[in-house]
């Protein structure tokens, strides 16, 4: 195993699949070049089709941030954001904490909310 680059953790519990990453180009009949982040710079970016797994979208994805407000409790202020969710049947909006959204969906909070 000397010289083998592992993805993330080391040992028996290392992740089997990482990603999702987009396909940049088809290199051969059964090989694809992936757009890997800089953190995986030591990993060769061409993979055989047998090593890839189809991306299955989650049942619901956040579309955008609709509104933002601060909810005050006795000891602290909590910033809440109204998130528009989209699934295969409909769209609905819910209030979520900004911290949890920043942890799971940081790209949404980089967009400014119109007040």
N, C-alpha and C. Protein backbone atom coordinates (compact mmCIF):
# COMPACT_ATOMS: atom_id res chain seq x y z
N UNK A 1 0.82 -1.20 0.00
CA UNK A 1 0.00 0.00 0.00
C UNK A 1 0.87 1.26 0.00
N UNK A 2 2.17 1.12 -0.15
CA UNK A 2 3.05 2.28 -0.10
C UNK A 2 2.81 3.17 -1.33
N UNK A 3 2.62 4.45 -1.09
CA UNK A 3 2.44 5.38 -2.19
C UNK A 3 1.00 5.52 -2.67
N UNK A 4 0.06 4.86 -2.00
CA UNK A 4 -1.35 4.94 -2.39
C UNK A 4 -1.97 6.17 -1.75
N UNK A 5 -2.64 6.99 -2.54
CA UNK A 5 -3.31 8.19 -2.02
C UNK A 5 -4.73 7.81 -1.65
N UNK A 6 -5.10 8.07 -0.40
CA UNK A 6 -6.46 7.78 0.06
C UNK A 6 -7.26 9.06 0.12
N UNK A 7 -8.56 8.95 -0.02
CA UNK A 7 -9.45 10.10 0.03
C UNK A 7 -9.85 10.36 1.47
N UNK A 8 -9.32 11.41 2.09
CA UNK A 8 -9.76 11.77 3.44
C UNK A 8 -9.15 10.90 4.51
N UNK A 9 -9.98 10.11 5.20
CA UNK A 9 -9.56 9.31 6.34
C UNK A 9 -8.65 8.16 5.89
N UNK A 10 -7.88 7.68 6.84
CA UNK A 10 -7.01 6.54 6.56
C UNK A 10 -7.52 5.32 7.31
N UNK A 11 -7.23 4.17 6.79
CA UNK A 11 -7.60 2.95 7.47
C UNK A 11 -8.82 2.29 6.87
N UNK A 12 -9.36 1.32 7.60
CA UNK A 12 -10.47 0.53 7.09
C UNK A 12 -11.75 1.32 6.92
N UNK A 13 -11.92 2.39 7.66
CA UNK A 13 -13.16 3.15 7.58
C UNK A 13 -13.05 4.35 6.64
N UNK A 14 -12.12 4.32 5.70
CA UNK A 14 -12.01 5.42 4.75
C UNK A 14 -13.22 5.39 3.82
N UNK A 15 -13.68 6.56 3.37
CA UNK A 15 -14.89 6.60 2.55
C UNK A 15 -14.69 5.91 1.21
N UNK A 16 -15.72 5.22 0.76
CA UNK A 16 -15.61 4.50 -0.50
C UNK A 16 -15.88 5.41 -1.68
N UNK A 17 -16.84 6.29 -1.55
CA UNK A 17 -17.16 7.24 -2.61
C UNK A 17 -17.02 8.65 -2.08
N UNK A 18 -16.51 9.54 -2.91
CA UNK A 18 -16.41 10.95 -2.56
C UNK A 18 -17.08 11.74 -3.67
N UNK A 19 -17.44 12.96 -3.37
CA UNK A 19 -18.02 13.77 -4.45
C UNK A 19 -19.38 14.28 -4.07
N UNK A 20 -20.18 14.71 -4.93
CA UNK A 20 -20.17 14.53 -6.39
C UNK A 20 -19.27 15.54 -7.09
N UNK A 21 -18.70 15.12 -8.20
CA UNK A 21 -17.88 15.98 -9.05
C UNK A 21 -18.39 15.87 -10.48
N UNK A 22 -18.28 16.96 -11.20
CA UNK A 22 -18.79 16.96 -12.57
C UNK A 22 -17.76 16.36 -13.53
N UNK A 23 -18.28 15.81 -14.62
CA UNK A 23 -17.44 15.21 -15.65
C UNK A 23 -17.01 16.32 -16.61
N UNK A 24 -15.71 16.44 -16.83
CA UNK A 24 -15.18 17.47 -17.71
C UNK A 24 -15.18 16.99 -19.16
N UNK A 25 -14.68 15.76 -19.37
CA UNK A 25 -14.63 15.22 -20.73
C UNK A 25 -14.54 13.70 -20.70
N UNK A 26 -14.87 13.11 -21.84
CA UNK A 26 -14.73 11.67 -22.02
C UNK A 26 -13.36 11.44 -22.63
N UNK A 27 -12.52 10.62 -21.97
CA UNK A 27 -11.14 10.43 -22.39
C UNK A 27 -11.00 9.22 -23.31
N UNK A 28 -11.76 8.21 -23.09
CA UNK A 28 -11.71 7.01 -23.91
C UNK A 28 -13.10 6.41 -23.97
N UNK A 29 -13.17 5.13 -24.35
CA UNK A 29 -14.49 4.48 -24.39
C UNK A 29 -15.08 4.34 -22.99
N UNK A 30 -14.20 4.09 -22.01
CA UNK A 30 -14.69 3.83 -20.65
C UNK A 30 -14.03 4.71 -19.58
N UNK A 31 -13.44 5.83 -19.97
CA UNK A 31 -12.75 6.68 -19.00
C UNK A 31 -13.25 8.11 -19.09
N UNK A 32 -13.33 8.77 -17.93
CA UNK A 32 -13.81 10.14 -17.85
C UNK A 32 -12.87 10.97 -17.01
N UNK A 33 -12.69 12.24 -17.39
CA UNK A 33 -11.91 13.20 -16.60
C UNK A 33 -12.88 13.98 -15.74
N UNK A 34 -12.60 14.05 -14.42
CA UNK A 34 -13.47 14.74 -13.48
C UNK A 34 -12.87 16.08 -13.05
N UNK A 35 -13.72 17.01 -12.68
CA UNK A 35 -13.29 18.30 -12.14
C UNK A 35 -13.11 18.15 -10.64
N UNK A 36 -11.90 17.83 -10.21
CA UNK A 36 -11.60 17.62 -8.79
C UNK A 36 -11.14 18.92 -8.15
N UNK A 37 -11.42 19.12 -6.86
CA UNK A 37 -10.97 20.34 -6.17
C UNK A 37 -9.46 20.32 -5.95
N UNK A 38 -8.90 21.47 -5.59
CA UNK A 38 -7.46 21.58 -5.35
C UNK A 38 -6.98 20.71 -4.20
N UNK A 39 -7.88 20.41 -3.24
CA UNK A 39 -7.51 19.57 -2.10
C UNK A 39 -7.13 18.16 -2.55
N UNK A 40 -7.63 17.74 -3.71
CA UNK A 40 -7.30 16.41 -4.26
C UNK A 40 -6.31 16.54 -5.41
N UNK A 41 -5.37 17.47 -5.27
CA UNK A 41 -4.40 17.74 -6.33
C UNK A 41 -3.48 16.57 -6.63
N UNK A 42 -3.23 15.69 -5.66
CA UNK A 42 -2.34 14.56 -5.87
C UNK A 42 -3.04 13.36 -6.50
N UNK A 43 -4.34 13.45 -6.68
CA UNK A 43 -5.12 12.34 -7.23
C UNK A 43 -5.26 12.53 -8.74
N UNK A 44 -5.03 11.47 -9.50
CA UNK A 44 -5.18 11.53 -10.95
C UNK A 44 -6.65 11.78 -11.27
N UNK A 45 -6.94 12.66 -12.21
CA UNK A 45 -8.31 13.09 -12.45
C UNK A 45 -9.06 12.28 -13.51
N UNK A 46 -8.47 11.20 -14.03
CA UNK A 46 -9.15 10.34 -15.00
C UNK A 46 -9.53 9.04 -14.30
N UNK A 47 -10.83 8.68 -14.40
CA UNK A 47 -11.35 7.49 -13.74
C UNK A 47 -12.05 6.59 -14.74
N UNK A 48 -11.92 5.28 -14.52
CA UNK A 48 -12.66 4.31 -15.31
C UNK A 48 -14.12 4.36 -14.89
N UNK A 49 -15.01 4.04 -15.82
CA UNK A 49 -16.44 4.12 -15.54
C UNK A 49 -16.86 3.18 -14.41
N UNK A 50 -16.11 2.10 -14.19
CA UNK A 50 -16.45 1.16 -13.11
C UNK A 50 -16.20 1.78 -11.73
N UNK A 51 -15.39 2.83 -11.65
CA UNK A 51 -15.10 3.48 -10.38
C UNK A 51 -16.06 4.62 -10.07
N UNK A 52 -16.93 4.96 -11.02
CA UNK A 52 -17.86 6.07 -10.84
C UNK A 52 -19.23 5.57 -10.44
N UNK A 53 -19.96 6.41 -9.75
CA UNK A 53 -21.31 6.09 -9.30
C UNK A 53 -22.22 7.22 -9.73
N UNK A 54 -23.39 6.90 -10.24
CA UNK A 54 -24.33 7.92 -10.69
C UNK A 54 -24.82 8.75 -9.51
N UNK A 55 -24.89 10.07 -9.72
CA UNK A 55 -25.38 10.98 -8.68
C UNK A 55 -26.90 10.94 -8.65
N UNK A 56 -27.45 10.66 -7.49
CA UNK A 56 -28.90 10.67 -7.30
C UNK A 56 -29.23 11.86 -6.41
N UNK A 57 -30.00 12.77 -6.95
CA UNK A 57 -30.33 13.99 -6.21
C UNK A 57 -31.18 13.66 -4.99
N UNK A 58 -31.00 14.44 -3.95
CA UNK A 58 -31.80 14.28 -2.75
C UNK A 58 -33.25 14.66 -3.05
N UNK A 59 -34.15 14.24 -2.19
CA UNK A 59 -35.57 14.51 -2.46
C UNK A 59 -35.91 15.99 -2.41
N UNK A 60 -35.14 16.76 -1.65
CA UNK A 60 -35.40 18.19 -1.60
C UNK A 60 -34.09 18.96 -1.58
N UNK A 61 -34.05 20.05 -2.29
CA UNK A 61 -32.88 20.91 -2.34
C UNK A 61 -33.31 22.35 -2.06
N UNK A 62 -32.47 23.08 -1.36
CA UNK A 62 -32.79 24.51 -1.18
C UNK A 62 -32.55 25.26 -2.48
N UNK A 63 -33.50 26.10 -2.85
CA UNK A 63 -33.39 26.84 -4.09
C UNK A 63 -32.74 28.20 -3.84
N UNK A 64 -33.30 28.95 -2.89
CA UNK A 64 -32.73 30.26 -2.58
C UNK A 64 -33.25 30.75 -1.23
N UNK A 65 -32.61 31.80 -0.73
CA UNK A 65 -33.00 32.43 0.53
C UNK A 65 -34.00 33.54 0.19
N UNK A 66 -35.17 33.51 0.83
CA UNK A 66 -36.21 34.49 0.56
C UNK A 66 -36.17 35.68 1.50
N UNK A 67 -35.88 35.42 2.79
CA UNK A 67 -35.96 36.49 3.78
C UNK A 67 -35.01 36.17 4.92
N UNK A 68 -34.75 37.17 5.75
CA UNK A 68 -33.84 37.01 6.89
C UNK A 68 -34.39 37.83 8.05
N UNK A 69 -34.33 37.26 9.28
CA UNK A 69 -34.77 38.00 10.46
C UNK A 69 -33.97 37.53 11.66
N UNK A 70 -33.99 38.33 12.71
CA UNK A 70 -33.29 38.00 13.95
C UNK A 70 -34.33 37.74 15.02
N UNK A 71 -34.25 36.57 15.64
CA UNK A 71 -35.16 36.19 16.70
C UNK A 71 -34.43 36.31 18.02
N UNK A 72 -34.97 37.08 18.93
CA UNK A 72 -34.31 37.34 20.22
C UNK A 72 -34.88 36.43 21.30
N UNK A 73 -33.97 35.80 22.03
CA UNK A 73 -34.35 35.04 23.21
C UNK A 73 -33.83 35.80 24.42
N UNK A 74 -33.92 35.22 25.58
CA UNK A 74 -33.47 35.93 26.79
C UNK A 74 -31.96 36.16 26.80
N UNK A 75 -31.22 35.21 26.26
CA UNK A 75 -29.77 35.29 26.37
C UNK A 75 -29.05 35.61 25.07
N UNK A 76 -29.66 35.35 23.93
CA UNK A 76 -28.93 35.59 22.68
C UNK A 76 -29.89 35.88 21.53
N UNK A 77 -29.32 36.36 20.45
CA UNK A 77 -30.07 36.61 19.22
C UNK A 77 -29.75 35.51 18.23
N UNK A 78 -30.78 34.96 17.59
CA UNK A 78 -30.62 33.89 16.61
C UNK A 78 -31.06 34.42 15.26
N UNK A 79 -30.17 34.32 14.28
CA UNK A 79 -30.50 34.76 12.93
C UNK A 79 -31.20 33.62 12.20
N UNK A 80 -32.37 33.91 11.67
CA UNK A 80 -33.17 32.93 10.94
C UNK A 80 -33.26 33.35 9.47
N UNK A 81 -33.28 32.37 8.57
CA UNK A 81 -33.44 32.65 7.15
C UNK A 81 -34.61 31.83 6.63
N UNK A 82 -35.37 32.42 5.72
CA UNK A 82 -36.49 31.72 5.11
C UNK A 82 -35.98 31.11 3.81
N UNK A 83 -36.04 29.77 3.72
CA UNK A 83 -35.46 29.03 2.61
C UNK A 83 -36.56 28.46 1.73
N UNK A 84 -36.44 28.67 0.44
CA UNK A 84 -37.35 28.07 -0.52
C UNK A 84 -36.80 26.72 -0.91
N UNK A 85 -37.56 25.65 -0.62
CA UNK A 85 -37.15 24.28 -0.90
C UNK A 85 -37.90 23.80 -2.13
N UNK A 86 -37.24 22.98 -2.93
CA UNK A 86 -37.86 22.41 -4.11
C UNK A 86 -37.70 20.90 -4.08
N UNK A 87 -38.79 20.20 -4.29
CA UNK A 87 -38.71 18.75 -4.45
C UNK A 87 -39.43 18.37 -5.73
N UNK A 88 -39.61 17.11 -5.98
CA UNK A 88 -40.17 16.68 -7.26
C UNK A 88 -41.65 17.01 -7.43
N UNK A 89 -42.34 17.39 -6.38
CA UNK A 89 -43.77 17.67 -6.49
C UNK A 89 -44.13 19.15 -6.34
N UNK A 90 -43.47 19.85 -5.44
CA UNK A 90 -43.88 21.22 -5.16
C UNK A 90 -42.71 22.02 -4.61
N UNK A 91 -43.01 23.27 -4.26
CA UNK A 91 -42.04 24.12 -3.59
C UNK A 91 -42.67 24.64 -2.30
N UNK A 92 -41.86 24.71 -1.25
CA UNK A 92 -42.35 25.25 0.01
C UNK A 92 -41.21 26.01 0.69
N UNK A 93 -41.55 26.90 1.59
CA UNK A 93 -40.55 27.70 2.29
C UNK A 93 -40.65 27.45 3.79
N UNK A 94 -39.50 27.33 4.44
CA UNK A 94 -39.45 27.14 5.89
C UNK A 94 -38.40 28.07 6.49
N UNK A 95 -38.55 28.36 7.78
CA UNK A 95 -37.56 29.15 8.50
C UNK A 95 -36.53 28.20 9.10
N UNK A 96 -35.25 28.46 8.84
CA UNK A 96 -34.15 27.65 9.36
C UNK A 96 -33.13 28.58 10.01
N UNK A 97 -32.32 28.05 10.93
CA UNK A 97 -31.28 28.87 11.52
C UNK A 97 -30.17 29.12 10.50
N UNK A 98 -29.60 30.31 10.57
CA UNK A 98 -28.55 30.66 9.61
C UNK A 98 -27.32 29.77 9.81
N UNK A 99 -27.02 29.41 11.05
CA UNK A 99 -25.86 28.56 11.32
C UNK A 99 -25.98 27.19 10.67
N UNK A 100 -27.16 26.58 10.76
CA UNK A 100 -27.33 25.25 10.15
C UNK A 100 -27.29 25.33 8.63
N UNK A 101 -27.84 26.41 8.06
CA UNK A 101 -27.79 26.57 6.60
C UNK A 101 -26.36 26.85 6.14
N UNK A 102 -25.60 27.61 6.93
CA UNK A 102 -24.21 27.90 6.57
C UNK A 102 -23.37 26.62 6.61
N UNK A 103 -23.70 25.73 7.53
CA UNK A 103 -22.97 24.46 7.66
C UNK A 103 -23.26 23.53 6.48
N UNK A 104 -24.54 23.41 6.10
CA UNK A 104 -24.93 22.45 5.07
C UNK A 104 -24.96 23.03 3.66
N UNK A 105 -25.29 24.30 3.50
CA UNK A 105 -25.43 24.91 2.17
C UNK A 105 -24.75 26.29 2.15
N UNK A 106 -23.42 26.35 2.24
CA UNK A 106 -22.74 27.65 2.31
C UNK A 106 -22.89 28.48 1.04
N UNK A 107 -23.10 27.84 -0.10
CA UNK A 107 -23.23 28.58 -1.36
C UNK A 107 -24.49 29.44 -1.39
N UNK A 108 -25.52 29.07 -0.67
CA UNK A 108 -26.75 29.87 -0.65
C UNK A 108 -26.59 31.18 0.10
N UNK A 109 -25.79 31.14 1.16
CA UNK A 109 -25.62 32.34 1.97
C UNK A 109 -24.63 33.32 1.37
N UNK A 110 -23.92 32.91 0.34
CA UNK A 110 -23.03 33.87 -0.33
C UNK A 110 -23.83 34.83 -1.20
N UNK A 111 -25.06 34.42 -1.57
CA UNK A 111 -25.94 35.30 -2.32
C UNK A 111 -26.62 36.25 -1.33
N UNK A 112 -26.75 37.51 -1.71
CA UNK A 112 -27.36 38.50 -0.81
C UNK A 112 -28.87 38.36 -0.82
N UNK A 113 -29.48 38.62 0.34
CA UNK A 113 -30.94 38.58 0.48
C UNK A 113 -31.46 39.98 0.26
N UNK A 114 -32.47 40.12 -0.60
CA UNK A 114 -33.08 41.42 -0.82
C UNK A 114 -34.05 41.70 0.32
N UNK A 115 -33.87 42.83 1.01
CA UNK A 115 -34.74 43.17 2.14
C UNK A 115 -35.73 44.21 1.75
